[in-house]
């Protein structure tokens, strides 16, 4: 079953993994969005041959930068 097929947050099983001594540079983030938005997002990523994770990483990075700038301006 793929990540998009669980339907709700409660149905996603917890992931257990063994620490094999190697540190991962990336982690998994659970995202809960409405079905219509999920379908639009997935469809557009497939049509544009774009990795969904790459889009999410870019958007999250942009949001973090905006928040950091806002915080820096408040501190001035």
Protein backbone atom coordinates (compact mmCIF):
# COMPACT_ATOMS: atom_id res chain seq x y z
CA UNK A 1 0.00 0.00 0.00
CA UNK A 2 1.45 3.38 -1.00
CA UNK A 3 1.61 6.45 1.23
CA UNK A 4 -1.30 8.04 -0.65
CA UNK A 5 -3.60 5.05 -0.09
CA UNK A 6 -3.95 5.11 3.70
CA UNK A 7 -6.84 7.58 3.69
CA UNK A 8 -6.30 9.08 7.12
CA UNK A 9 -3.55 9.86 9.56
CA UNK A 10 -4.71 7.09 11.92
CA UNK A 11 -4.27 4.40 9.27
CA UNK A 12 -0.58 5.04 8.59
CA UNK A 13 1.47 2.38 10.38
CA UNK A 14 4.43 3.45 12.44
CA UNK A 15 7.79 2.75 10.87
CA UNK A 16 10.35 0.85 12.83
CA UNK A 17 13.92 0.56 11.62
CA UNK A 18 17.13 -0.71 13.04
CA UNK A 19 20.07 1.59 13.51
CA UNK A 20 22.73 0.03 11.34
CA UNK A 21 25.36 2.55 12.33
CA UNK A 22 24.83 4.74 9.29
CA UNK A 23 23.31 8.16 9.71
CA UNK A 24 20.64 9.12 7.22
CA UNK A 25 20.87 12.62 5.77
CA UNK A 26 17.15 12.63 5.02
CA UNK A 27 14.08 11.72 7.02
CA UNK A 28 10.45 10.90 6.30
CA UNK A 29 7.77 13.44 7.15
CA UNK A 30 4.11 12.50 7.34
CA UNK A 31 1.85 15.01 5.58
CA UNK A 32 -1.91 15.06 5.90
CA UNK A 33 -3.73 16.91 3.09
CA UNK A 34 -7.19 16.70 1.57
CA UNK A 35 -7.91 14.09 -1.07
CA UNK A 36 -8.54 16.57 -3.90
CA UNK A 37 -5.29 18.45 -3.26
CA UNK A 38 -3.39 15.16 -2.97
CA UNK A 39 -4.76 13.97 -6.33
CA UNK A 40 -3.98 17.32 -8.01
CA UNK A 41 -0.45 17.31 -6.58
CA UNK A 42 0.25 13.71 -7.57
CA UNK A 43 -1.24 14.18 -11.05
CA UNK A 44 0.75 17.34 -11.76
CA UNK A 45 3.97 15.73 -10.52
CA UNK A 46 3.43 12.73 -12.78
CA UNK A 47 2.54 14.91 -15.77
CA UNK A 48 5.63 17.07 -15.31
CA UNK A 49 7.81 14.04 -14.46
CA UNK A 50 8.71 15.66 -11.14
CA UNK A 51 9.51 13.82 -7.93
CA UNK A 52 6.92 14.66 -5.27
CA UNK A 53 9.56 14.68 -2.55
CA UNK A 54 11.65 17.19 -4.50
CA UNK A 55 8.66 19.55 -4.71
CA UNK A 56 7.95 19.16 -1.00
CA UNK A 57 11.61 19.78 -0.08
CA UNK A 58 11.70 22.96 -2.16
CA UNK A 59 8.45 24.30 -0.73
CA UNK A 60 9.45 23.51 2.86
CA UNK A 61 12.87 25.15 2.35
CA UNK A 62 11.20 28.29 0.95
CA UNK A 63 8.76 28.41 3.87
CA UNK A 64 11.60 28.00 6.40
CA UNK A 65 13.52 30.86 4.78
CA UNK A 66 10.45 33.11 4.94
CA UNK A 67 9.90 32.30 8.61
CA UNK A 68 13.57 32.91 9.46
CA UNK A 69 13.45 36.29 7.70
CA UNK A 70 10.29 37.24 9.63
CA UNK A 71 11.94 36.27 12.91
CA UNK A 72 15.08 38.21 12.06
CA UNK A 73 13.01 41.31 11.29
CA UNK A 74 11.15 41.01 14.61
CA UNK A 75 14.45 40.84 16.48
CA UNK A 76 15.66 44.14 14.94
